[in-house]
Amino acid sequence: MTISVAITWILFLGLFPIAFFWLRRAWQILFKQDFSQVALKRGEPPADPAKYAPYAAAINLVAGAIAVAVILMVVIGGVAYDTWTAIAGSTIWMKFFADYIVSRNAHANWGKKKPADPGGRR
């Protein structure tokens, strides 16, 4: 077994828990109205997580569905190695980027003035 075969198996087997967690998070946001994992920044939720819940749910639902589709395509054998690894890798990275964008927008301080420092220090 070469290192590339081992990494391929790690990626493929890793898709199962990744898809499970992403779809579970979408389920919790959409049906249980649990916004505790929406747009976290350093573990803290935004002031109004319900405002960003549809975006977080959509990101998790789409990414989870793509991961499940990739798993099914690999098992059925209807897709080449380069194709499914590209789809899986791109989905994982884009999900991380999209979550980052939502969390930073939820915690944005644009146009808000910082409170004056009583000690006069800067």
N, C-alpha and C. Protein backbone atom coordinates (compact mmCIF):
# COMPACT_ATOMS: atom_id res chain seq x y z
N MET A 1 0.85 -1.17 0.00
CA MET A 1 0.00 0.00 0.00
C MET A 1 0.90 1.24 0.00
N THR A 2 0.63 2.13 -0.92
CA THR A 2 1.39 3.37 -0.99
C THR A 2 0.72 4.44 -0.15
N ILE A 3 1.42 5.54 0.04
CA ILE A 3 0.88 6.63 0.84
C ILE A 3 -0.34 7.26 0.16
N SER A 4 -0.35 7.32 -1.15
CA SER A 4 -1.50 7.92 -1.84
C SER A 4 -2.76 7.08 -1.67
N VAL A 5 -2.61 5.77 -1.63
CA VAL A 5 -3.78 4.90 -1.40
C VAL A 5 -4.30 5.11 0.02
N ALA A 6 -3.40 5.23 0.98
CA ALA A 6 -3.81 5.45 2.37
C ALA A 6 -4.53 6.78 2.52
N ILE A 7 -4.00 7.83 1.90
CA ILE A 7 -4.64 9.14 1.98
C ILE A 7 -6.00 9.13 1.29
N THR A 8 -6.09 8.40 0.18
CA THR A 8 -7.39 8.27 -0.51
C THR A 8 -8.42 7.61 0.39
N TRP A 9 -8.04 6.54 1.07
CA TRP A 9 -8.96 5.87 1.99
C TRP A 9 -9.34 6.77 3.15
N ILE A 10 -8.38 7.53 3.66
CA ILE A 10 -8.68 8.45 4.76
C ILE A 10 -9.69 9.50 4.31
N LEU A 11 -9.51 10.04 3.10
CA LEU A 11 -10.46 11.02 2.58
C LEU A 11 -11.84 10.39 2.40
N PHE A 12 -11.89 9.21 1.81
CA PHE A 12 -13.18 8.57 1.56
C PHE A 12 -13.89 8.22 2.88
N LEU A 13 -13.18 7.59 3.78
CA LEU A 13 -13.80 7.22 5.07
C LEU A 13 -14.13 8.45 5.91
N GLY A 14 -13.35 9.50 5.74
CA GLY A 14 -13.63 10.75 6.45
C GLY A 14 -14.90 11.43 5.98
N LEU A 15 -15.32 11.15 4.77
CA LEU A 15 -16.55 11.76 4.25
C LEU A 15 -17.79 11.31 5.03
N PHE A 16 -17.76 10.11 5.59
CA PHE A 16 -18.93 9.61 6.31
C PHE A 16 -19.23 10.44 7.56
N PRO A 17 -18.28 10.63 8.49
CA PRO A 17 -18.60 11.47 9.65
C PRO A 17 -18.79 12.94 9.29
N ILE A 18 -18.06 13.41 8.28
CA ILE A 18 -18.23 14.81 7.87
C ILE A 18 -19.66 15.04 7.40
N ALA A 19 -20.15 14.18 6.53
CA ALA A 19 -21.53 14.32 6.03
C ALA A 19 -22.53 14.20 7.17
N PHE A 20 -22.29 13.27 8.08
CA PHE A 20 -23.20 13.09 9.21
C PHE A 20 -23.28 14.35 10.06
N PHE A 21 -22.15 14.92 10.43
CA PHE A 21 -22.15 16.11 11.28
C PHE A 21 -22.75 17.32 10.58
N TRP A 22 -22.46 17.49 9.30
CA TRP A 22 -23.02 18.62 8.57
C TRP A 22 -24.53 18.50 8.42
N LEU A 23 -25.02 17.31 8.09
CA LEU A 23 -26.47 17.13 7.95
C LEU A 23 -27.17 17.20 9.30
N ARG A 24 -26.52 16.72 10.35
CA ARG A 24 -27.10 16.82 11.69
C ARG A 24 -27.20 18.27 12.13
N ARG A 25 -26.18 19.06 11.82
CA ARG A 25 -26.22 20.48 12.18
C ARG A 25 -27.33 21.19 11.42
N ALA A 26 -27.51 20.87 10.14
CA ALA A 26 -28.60 21.46 9.37
C ALA A 26 -29.95 21.06 9.96
N TRP A 27 -30.09 19.80 10.36
CA TRP A 27 -31.31 19.32 10.99
C TRP A 27 -31.60 20.09 12.28
N GLN A 28 -30.58 20.26 13.11
CA GLN A 28 -30.76 20.96 14.39
C GLN A 28 -31.17 22.41 14.17
N ILE A 29 -30.61 23.05 13.17
CA ILE A 29 -30.94 24.45 12.91
C ILE A 29 -32.34 24.57 12.33
N LEU A 30 -32.66 23.73 11.35
CA LEU A 30 -33.94 23.87 10.64
C LEU A 30 -35.14 23.38 11.44
N PHE A 31 -35.02 22.22 12.07
CA PHE A 31 -36.19 21.60 12.67
C PHE A 31 -36.24 21.73 14.19
N LYS A 32 -35.11 21.75 14.84
CA LYS A 32 -35.10 21.89 16.30
C LYS A 32 -34.93 23.33 16.75
N GLN A 33 -34.68 24.22 15.79
CA GLN A 33 -34.46 25.64 16.08
C GLN A 33 -33.34 25.84 17.11
N ASP A 34 -32.32 25.02 17.03
CA ASP A 34 -31.17 25.10 17.92
C ASP A 34 -30.09 25.94 17.23
N PHE A 35 -29.93 27.17 17.69
CA PHE A 35 -29.00 28.09 17.06
C PHE A 35 -27.69 28.20 17.82
N SER A 36 -27.39 27.23 18.66
CA SER A 36 -26.20 27.31 19.50
C SER A 36 -24.90 27.16 18.70
N GLN A 37 -24.95 26.63 17.50
CA GLN A 37 -23.75 26.45 16.68
C GLN A 37 -23.75 27.35 15.45
N VAL A 38 -24.56 28.40 15.47
CA VAL A 38 -24.68 29.28 14.31
C VAL A 38 -23.70 30.43 14.43
N ALA A 39 -22.87 30.61 13.43
CA ALA A 39 -21.98 31.77 13.28
C ALA A 39 -21.13 32.02 14.51
N LEU A 40 -20.48 31.00 15.00
CA LEU A 40 -19.63 31.15 16.18
C LEU A 40 -18.33 31.86 15.81
N LYS A 41 -17.89 32.71 16.72
CA LYS A 41 -16.58 33.35 16.59
C LYS A 41 -15.89 33.21 17.93
N ARG A 42 -14.83 32.42 17.94
CA ARG A 42 -14.11 32.09 19.16
C ARG A 42 -15.03 31.46 20.20
N GLY A 43 -15.99 30.67 19.73
CA GLY A 43 -16.89 29.95 20.61
C GLY A 43 -18.09 30.75 21.08
N GLU A 44 -18.19 32.00 20.70
CA GLU A 44 -19.29 32.87 21.13
C GLU A 44 -20.29 33.05 19.99
N PRO A 45 -21.58 32.90 20.28
CA PRO A 45 -22.58 33.14 19.24
C PRO A 45 -22.80 34.64 19.04
N PRO A 46 -23.35 35.04 17.92
CA PRO A 46 -23.63 36.46 17.69
C PRO A 46 -24.81 36.92 18.54
N ALA A 47 -25.05 38.21 18.52
CA ALA A 47 -26.16 38.78 19.31
C ALA A 47 -27.51 38.22 18.85
N ASP A 48 -27.68 38.02 17.55
CA ASP A 48 -28.94 37.50 16.99
C ASP A 48 -28.65 36.29 16.09
N PRO A 49 -28.45 35.11 16.69
CA PRO A 49 -28.11 33.95 15.85
C PRO A 49 -29.24 33.52 14.92
N ALA A 50 -30.48 33.82 15.26
CA ALA A 50 -31.60 33.42 14.40
C ALA A 50 -31.52 34.13 13.04
N LYS A 51 -30.93 35.31 13.02
CA LYS A 51 -30.79 36.07 11.78
C LYS A 51 -29.88 35.34 10.79
N TYR A 52 -28.88 34.64 11.30
CA TYR A 52 -27.90 33.97 10.45
C TYR A 52 -28.16 32.47 10.32
N ALA A 53 -29.17 31.97 11.00
CA ALA A 53 -29.48 30.54 10.98
C ALA A 53 -29.82 30.02 9.58
N PRO A 54 -30.60 30.74 8.76
CA PRO A 54 -30.90 30.20 7.42
C PRO A 54 -29.64 30.01 6.57
N TYR A 55 -28.69 30.93 6.72
CA TYR A 55 -27.45 30.82 5.95
C TYR A 55 -26.63 29.62 6.42
N ALA A 56 -26.51 29.47 7.73
CA ALA A 56 -25.75 28.35 8.28
C ALA A 56 -26.42 27.03 7.93
N ALA A 57 -27.74 26.98 7.98
CA ALA A 57 -28.46 25.76 7.63
C ALA A 57 -28.26 25.41 6.15
N ALA A 58 -28.33 26.40 5.29
CA ALA A 58 -28.14 26.16 3.86
C ALA A 58 -26.73 25.67 3.57
N ILE A 59 -25.74 26.29 4.20
CA ILE A 59 -24.35 25.87 3.99
C ILE A 59 -24.18 24.42 4.41
N ASN A 60 -24.67 24.07 5.59
CA ASN A 60 -24.52 22.70 6.09
C ASN A 60 -25.31 21.70 5.26
N LEU A 61 -26.51 22.06 4.86
CA LEU A 61 -27.35 21.16 4.07
C LEU A 61 -26.75 20.88 2.69
N VAL A 62 -26.30 21.93 2.02
CA VAL A 62 -25.71 21.75 0.69
C VAL A 62 -24.41 20.97 0.77
N ALA A 63 -23.55 21.32 1.72
CA ALA A 63 -22.27 20.62 1.85
C ALA A 63 -22.48 19.15 2.24
N GLY A 64 -23.41 18.89 3.15
CA GLY A 64 -23.70 17.52 3.54
C GLY A 64 -24.28 16.70 2.40
N ALA A 65 -25.15 17.32 1.62
CA ALA A 65 -25.74 16.62 0.47
C ALA A 65 -24.68 16.30 -0.58
N ILE A 66 -23.76 17.23 -0.81
CA ILE A 66 -22.69 16.97 -1.77
C ILE A 66 -21.79 15.84 -1.27
N ALA A 67 -21.49 15.84 0.04
CA ALA A 67 -20.66 14.77 0.60
C ALA A 67 -21.35 13.41 0.44
N VAL A 68 -22.64 13.35 0.70
CA VAL A 68 -23.38 12.09 0.52
C VAL A 68 -23.39 11.69 -0.95
N ALA A 69 -23.56 12.65 -1.84
CA ALA A 69 -23.55 12.35 -3.28
C ALA A 69 -22.20 11.79 -3.71
N VAL A 70 -21.13 12.36 -3.18
CA VAL A 70 -19.79 11.86 -3.52
C VAL A 70 -19.62 10.43 -3.01
N ILE A 71 -20.07 10.17 -1.79
CA ILE A 71 -19.99 8.81 -1.24
C ILE A 71 -20.73 7.83 -2.14
N LEU A 72 -21.93 8.19 -2.53
CA LEU A 72 -22.72 7.30 -3.40
C LEU A 72 -22.08 7.11 -4.76
N MET A 73 -21.51 8.17 -5.31
CA MET A 73 -20.86 8.05 -6.62
C MET A 73 -19.64 7.14 -6.55
N VAL A 74 -18.89 7.22 -5.45
CA VAL A 74 -17.72 6.36 -5.31
C VAL A 74 -18.14 4.92 -5.13
N VAL A 75 -19.16 4.67 -4.31
CA VAL A 75 -19.61 3.30 -4.07
C VAL A 75 -20.18 2.69 -5.34
N ILE A 76 -20.94 3.44 -6.08
CA ILE A 76 -21.51 2.95 -7.33
C ILE A 76 -20.42 2.80 -8.39
N GLY A 77 -19.37 3.60 -8.28
CA GLY A 77 -18.28 3.51 -9.23
C GLY A 77 -18.48 4.33 -10.47
N GLY A 78 -19.34 5.31 -10.39
CA GLY A 78 -19.66 6.10 -11.57
C GLY A 78 -18.83 7.34 -11.74
N VAL A 79 -17.73 7.48 -10.99
CA VAL A 79 -16.95 8.70 -11.10
C VAL A 79 -15.46 8.36 -10.97
N ALA A 80 -14.64 9.08 -11.70
CA ALA A 80 -13.19 8.85 -11.67
C ALA A 80 -12.59 9.38 -10.37
N TYR A 81 -11.42 8.84 -10.04
CA TYR A 81 -10.73 9.21 -8.79
C TYR A 81 -10.48 10.72 -8.72
N ASP A 82 -9.93 11.29 -9.79
CA ASP A 82 -9.62 12.72 -9.79
C ASP A 82 -10.87 13.57 -9.59
N THR A 83 -11.97 13.12 -10.13
CA THR A 83 -13.21 13.88 -10.04
C THR A 83 -13.77 13.87 -8.62
N TRP A 84 -13.88 12.70 -8.02
CA TRP A 84 -14.50 12.67 -6.69
C TRP A 84 -13.61 13.30 -5.63
N THR A 85 -12.29 13.17 -5.76
CA THR A 85 -11.43 13.82 -4.78
C THR A 85 -11.47 15.34 -4.93
N ALA A 86 -11.59 15.81 -6.17
CA ALA A 86 -11.71 17.25 -6.38
C ALA A 86 -13.03 17.79 -5.81
N ILE A 87 -14.11 17.06 -6.03
CA ILE A 87 -15.41 17.49 -5.50
C ILE A 87 -15.39 17.48 -3.97
N ALA A 88 -14.87 16.41 -3.39
CA ALA A 88 -14.83 16.30 -1.93
C ALA A 88 -13.94 17.37 -1.31
N GLY A 89 -12.76 17.54 -1.84
CA GLY A 89 -11.85 18.55 -1.31
C GLY A 89 -12.39 19.96 -1.45
N SER A 90 -12.93 20.27 -2.61
CA SER A 90 -13.50 21.60 -2.82
C SER A 90 -14.69 21.85 -1.90
N THR A 91 -15.50 20.84 -1.70
CA THR A 91 -16.66 21.00 -0.81
C THR A 91 -16.22 21.27 0.62
N ILE A 92 -15.24 20.54 1.10
CA ILE A 92 -14.76 20.73 2.47
C ILE A 92 -14.21 22.15 2.64
N TRP A 93 -13.36 22.58 1.72
CA TRP A 93 -12.78 23.91 1.84
C TRP A 93 -13.84 25.01 1.70
N MET A 94 -14.74 24.87 0.75
CA MET A 94 -15.76 25.91 0.55
C MET A 94 -16.70 25.99 1.73
N LYS A 95 -16.97 24.87 2.38
CA LYS A 95 -17.81 24.87 3.58
C LYS A 95 -17.12 25.64 4.70
N PHE A 96 -15.83 25.40 4.87
CA PHE A 96 -15.08 26.14 5.89
C PHE A 96 -15.07 27.63 5.59
N PHE A 97 -14.82 28.00 4.33
CA PHE A 97 -14.81 29.41 3.95
C PHE A 97 -16.18 30.05 4.15
N ALA A 98 -17.23 29.36 3.76
CA ALA A 98 -18.59 29.92 3.90
C ALA A 98 -18.95 30.10 5.37
N ASP A 99 -18.62 29.13 6.22
CA ASP A 99 -18.87 29.29 7.66
C ASP A 99 -18.09 30.46 8.23
N TYR A 100 -16.86 30.62 7.79
CA TYR A 100 -16.04 31.74 8.25
C TYR A 100 -16.66 33.07 7.85
N ILE A 101 -17.11 33.17 6.62
CA ILE A 101 -17.72 34.41 6.14
C ILE A 101 -18.98 34.74 6.93
N VAL A 102 -19.83 33.75 7.17
CA VAL A 102 -21.06 33.98 7.93
C VAL A 102 -20.72 34.41 9.36
N SER A 103 -19.78 33.74 9.98
CA SER A 103 -19.44 34.09 11.37
C SER A 103 -18.85 35.48 11.47
N ARG A 104 -18.03 35.88 10.51
CA ARG A 104 -17.45 37.22 10.57
C ARG A 104 -18.49 38.30 10.28
N ASN A 105 -19.42 38.02 9.41
CA ASN A 105 -20.49 38.99 9.17
C ASN A 105 -21.42 39.09 10.37
N ALA A 106 -21.63 38.01 11.08
CA ALA A 106 -22.51 38.02 12.25
C ALA A 106 -21.89 38.79 13.40
N HIS A 107 -20.57 38.85 13.44
CA HIS A 107 -19.88 39.54 14.52
C HIS A 107 -19.24 40.84 14.04
N ALA A 108 -19.72 41.39 12.96
CA ALA A 108 -19.10 42.58 12.37
C ALA A 108 -19.31 43.80 13.27
N ASN A 109 -18.31 44.66 13.27
CA ASN A 109 -18.38 45.91 14.01
C ASN A 109 -18.25 47.10 13.08
N TRP A 110 -18.69 46.95 11.84
CA TRP A 110 -18.56 48.02 10.86
C TRP A 110 -19.44 49.18 11.25
N GLY A 111 -18.86 50.36 11.28
CA GLY A 111 -19.63 51.57 11.56
C GLY A 111 -19.97 51.76 13.02
N LYS A 112 -19.51 50.91 13.89
CA LYS A 112 -19.78 51.05 15.31
C LYS A 112 -18.58 51.69 15.97
N LYS A 113 -18.85 52.68 16.79
CA LYS A 113 -17.76 53.35 17.48
C LYS A 113 -17.35 52.55 18.70
N LYS A 114 -16.05 52.56 18.94
CA LYS A 114 -15.56 51.91 20.14
C LYS A 114 -15.81 52.84 21.32
N PRO A 115 -16.12 52.27 22.49
CA PRO A 115 -16.33 53.14 23.65
C PRO A 115 -15.02 53.82 24.03
N ALA A 116 -15.14 55.04 24.52
CA ALA A 116 -13.97 55.81 24.92
C ALA A 116 -13.27 55.14 26.09
N ASP A 117 -11.97 55.14 26.06
CA ASP A 117 -11.18 54.55 27.13
C ASP A 117 -11.10 55.55 28.29
N PRO A 118 -11.59 55.20 29.48
CA PRO A 118 -11.59 56.16 30.58
C PRO A 118 -10.19 56.57 31.03
N GLY A 119 -9.20 55.76 30.79
CA GLY A 119 -7.83 56.08 31.21
C GLY A 119 -7.11 56.98 30.22
N GLY A 120 -7.69 57.23 29.09
CA GLY A 120 -7.09 58.08 28.10
C GLY A 120 -5.98 57.41 27.30
N ARG A 121 -5.80 56.12 27.48
CA ARG A 121 -4.77 55.41 26.74
C ARG A 121 -5.30 54.95 25.40
N ARG A 122 -4.41 54.77 24.47
CA ARG A 122 -4.80 54.28 23.15
C ARG A 122 -4.17 52.99 22.89
